[in-house]
Amino acid sequence: MGEPLTIVLVGAGGYGNFYVEAMLEAEQRDFRVVGVVEPNPAGCRRLDDLMDKNIPFYHTLEDFYAGRRADLAIISSPFQFHASQIIAAVNADSHVLCEKPLCVTVEEGKAIIAARKKTSKLVAIGYQWSFSRAIQELKKEIISGRLGRPRRLKTMAF
C-alpha cells in the first residue's frame, strides 16, 4: 500500500459535518486529513475530535495552500465560495470533490472548466444522498439489471 491520500476539508460546519463524521468514523484509514479550512469552527459538531487529532485549522484555503498541499480538496463551504475555492484547489495541484451546486453563475462555471482543463485535475460534484446506503443499493440494483432496463428515473424528496 502506498502513501495515504491527503485531504483538505473546506467547511466543517453545516454539510461539512457529514464529511467530518464519515472521516472520523472510517474503518479504513487510507487517507489523512492534513487541514481544515473553516472560518467559524464552532459550527463543527466534532471539533474536539479534530483538535485531538492535531489537525490544523485555517481561515481560508489560500492560508492552507501557502504552506501545505493535499491530493484532494473536499469543499462543502457556502456555495458563493465554490468557484474561487475550486479554482484555487486545482491550481494548487489538488483534485476536488465539491458539494452541489458547482457555482453561482455561468461565468464561474466557465472559469472552473478552464482551470480544470489547464491543470488536468479532476473536479467532481457530490451530493450527500449520492453516497447514502439506500442510493448505493439502488444503483447496484439498476446496474445489475435486476430491475430491468431503466426507461426513466425520477426522484422526489420530501
Protein backbone atom coordinates (compact mmCIF):
# COMPACT_ATOMS: atom_id res chain seq x y z
CA MET A 1 0.00 0.00 0.00
CA GLY A 2 1.32 3.44 -0.93
CA GLU A 3 1.12 6.72 0.87
CA PRO A 4 -2.34 7.65 2.16
CA LEU A 5 -4.40 10.15 0.20
CA THR A 6 -4.05 13.60 1.76
CA ILE A 7 -7.23 15.65 2.17
CA VAL A 8 -8.01 19.24 2.99
CA LEU A 9 -11.58 19.68 4.16
CA VAL A 10 -13.08 23.05 3.25
CA GLY A 11 -16.07 23.63 5.50
CA ALA A 12 -16.51 21.62 8.70
CA GLY A 13 -19.87 23.03 9.77
CA GLY A 14 -23.21 22.62 8.01
CA TYR A 15 -22.91 19.86 5.37
CA GLY A 16 -19.22 19.64 6.23
CA ASN A 17 -20.26 17.88 9.43
CA PHE A 18 -21.24 14.85 7.31
CA TYR A 19 -17.73 14.64 5.87
CA VAL A 20 -16.11 15.15 9.27
CA GLU A 21 -18.25 12.38 10.74
CA ALA A 22 -17.50 9.99 7.85
CA MET A 23 -13.77 10.62 8.04
CA LEU A 24 -13.59 10.23 11.80
CA GLU A 25 -15.66 7.03 11.71
CA ALA A 26 -13.98 5.47 8.65
CA GLU A 27 -12.90 1.89 9.21
CA GLN A 28 -10.24 2.06 6.52
CA ARG A 29 -7.65 4.77 7.01
CA ASP A 30 -6.18 5.06 3.52
CA PHE A 31 -6.40 8.83 3.79
CA ARG A 32 -5.09 11.54 6.08
CA VAL A 33 -6.79 14.87 6.76
CA VAL A 34 -3.98 17.43 6.63
CA GLY A 35 -6.05 20.56 7.21
CA VAL A 36 -9.49 22.01 7.76
CA VAL A 37 -10.49 25.36 6.30
CA GLU A 38 -13.22 26.80 8.49
CA PRO A 39 -13.58 30.46 9.49
CA ASN A 40 -16.15 29.51 12.16
CA PRO A 41 -15.02 26.21 13.76
CA ALA A 42 -17.77 26.38 16.39
CA GLY A 43 -20.20 25.04 13.74
CA CYS A 44 -18.35 21.71 13.64
CA ARG A 45 -20.05 19.12 15.86
CA ARG A 46 -16.83 17.07 16.17
CA LEU A 47 -14.45 19.98 16.66
CA ASP A 48 -12.91 18.46 19.80
CA ASP A 49 -12.19 15.20 17.95
CA LEU A 50 -10.44 17.07 15.12
CA MET A 51 -8.44 19.10 17.63
CA ASP A 52 -7.46 15.91 19.49
CA LYS A 53 -6.01 14.59 16.22
CA ASN A 54 -3.91 17.78 15.88
CA ILE A 55 -5.42 18.60 12.51
CA PRO A 56 -4.57 22.24 11.77
CA PHE A 57 -7.35 24.74 11.05
CA TYR A 58 -7.07 27.56 8.52
CA HIS A 59 -9.21 30.63 7.97
CA THR A 60 -9.01 30.44 4.15
CA LEU A 61 -7.98 27.93 1.51
CA GLU A 62 -5.22 30.29 0.44
CA ASP A 63 -3.84 30.16 4.02
CA PHE A 64 -3.75 26.35 3.78
CA TYR A 65 -2.01 26.27 0.39
CA ALA A 66 0.55 28.87 1.49
CA GLY A 67 2.37 26.16 3.41
CA ARG A 68 0.67 22.83 2.74
CA ARG A 69 -0.59 20.63 -0.06
CA ALA A 70 -3.30 18.00 -0.43
CA ASP A 71 -4.14 15.37 -3.03
CA LEU A 72 -7.85 16.14 -2.64
CA ALA A 73 -9.85 19.16 -1.54
CA ILE A 74 -13.35 18.35 -0.30
CA ILE A 75 -15.39 21.54 -0.50
CA SER A 76 -18.61 21.89 1.45
CA SER A 77 -18.49 25.61 2.10
CA PRO A 78 -21.31 28.07 1.29
CA PHE A 79 -21.83 27.88 -2.46
CA GLN A 80 -20.88 31.51 -3.18
CA PHE A 81 -17.28 30.42 -2.43
CA HIS A 82 -17.26 27.25 -4.54
CA ALA A 83 -15.86 28.71 -7.76
CA SER A 84 -12.92 30.54 -6.20
CA GLN A 85 -12.11 27.59 -3.93
CA ILE A 86 -12.30 25.01 -6.74
CA ILE A 87 -10.03 27.15 -8.92
CA ALA A 88 -7.58 27.69 -6.04
CA ALA A 89 -7.52 23.95 -5.31
CA VAL A 90 -6.87 22.75 -8.88
CA ASN A 91 -4.25 25.47 -9.34
CA ALA A 92 -2.55 24.15 -6.18
CA ASP A 93 -2.46 20.63 -7.70
CA SER A 94 -5.43 19.14 -5.80
CA HIS A 95 -8.31 17.15 -7.19
CA VAL A 96 -11.70 18.41 -5.97
CA LEU A 97 -14.90 16.92 -4.63
CA CYS A 98 -17.36 19.77 -4.13
CA GLU A 99 -20.87 19.70 -2.76
CA LYS A 100 -23.63 20.97 -5.01
CA PRO A 101 -24.08 23.39 -6.61
CA LEU A 102 -20.93 23.75 -8.68
CA CYS A 103 -21.12 27.53 -8.58
CA VAL A 104 -23.44 30.52 -8.79
CA THR A 105 -23.09 31.85 -12.35
CA VAL A 106 -22.38 30.54 -15.84
CA GLU A 107 -19.23 32.68 -15.94
CA GLU A 108 -17.95 30.99 -12.77
CA GLY A 109 -18.69 27.61 -14.33
CA LYS A 110 -16.69 28.50 -17.43
CA ALA A 111 -13.78 29.68 -15.24
CA ILE A 112 -13.84 26.39 -13.33
CA ILE A 113 -13.85 24.39 -16.58
CA ALA A 114 -10.91 26.43 -17.91
CA ALA A 115 -8.91 25.91 -14.70
CA ARG A 116 -9.67 22.20 -14.70
CA LYS A 117 -8.61 21.82 -18.33
CA LYS A 118 -5.40 23.77 -17.70
CA THR A 119 -4.43 21.64 -14.72
CA SER A 120 -5.93 18.27 -15.78
CA LYS A 121 -7.22 17.83 -12.21
CA LEU A 122 -10.49 16.05 -11.52
CA VAL A 123 -13.45 18.11 -10.34
CA ALA A 124 -16.49 16.19 -9.14
CA ILE A 125 -19.74 17.44 -7.70
CA GLY A 126 -21.15 15.41 -4.86
CA TYR A 127 -24.47 15.33 -3.17
CA GLN A 128 -24.65 13.71 0.24
CA TRP A 129 -27.51 11.42 -0.80
CA SER A 130 -25.41 10.10 -3.68
CA PHE A 131 -23.33 8.21 -1.14
CA SER A 132 -26.13 7.11 1.17
CA ARG A 133 -26.63 3.38 1.68
CA ALA A 134 -30.10 3.46 0.08
CA ILE A 135 -28.94 5.23 -3.09
CA GLN A 136 -25.87 2.99 -3.41
CA GLU A 137 -28.05 -0.13 -3.08
CA LEU A 138 -30.48 1.21 -5.69
CA LYS A 139 -27.55 1.93 -8.01
CA LYS A 140 -26.34 -1.68 -7.64
CA GLU A 141 -29.84 -2.98 -8.47
CA ILE A 142 -30.07 -0.78 -11.57
CA ILE A 143 -26.57 -1.68 -12.81
CA SER A 144 -27.15 -5.40 -12.26
CA GLY A 145 -30.25 -5.26 -14.46
CA ARG A 146 -32.38 -6.81 -11.73
CA LEU A 147 -34.96 -4.05 -12.14
CA GLY A 148 -34.94 -4.22 -15.92
CA ARG A 149 -33.67 -1.61 -18.31
CA PRO A 150 -34.30 1.92 -16.98
CA ARG A 151 -36.62 3.97 -19.14
CA ARG A 152 -36.86 7.00 -16.92
CA LEU A 153 -35.58 7.83 -13.44
CA LYS A 154 -37.15 10.42 -11.21
CA THR A 155 -36.50 11.38 -7.62
CA MET A 156 -38.87 13.05 -5.21
CA ALA A 157 -37.61 14.10 -1.78
CA PHE A 158 -39.87 15.35 0.94
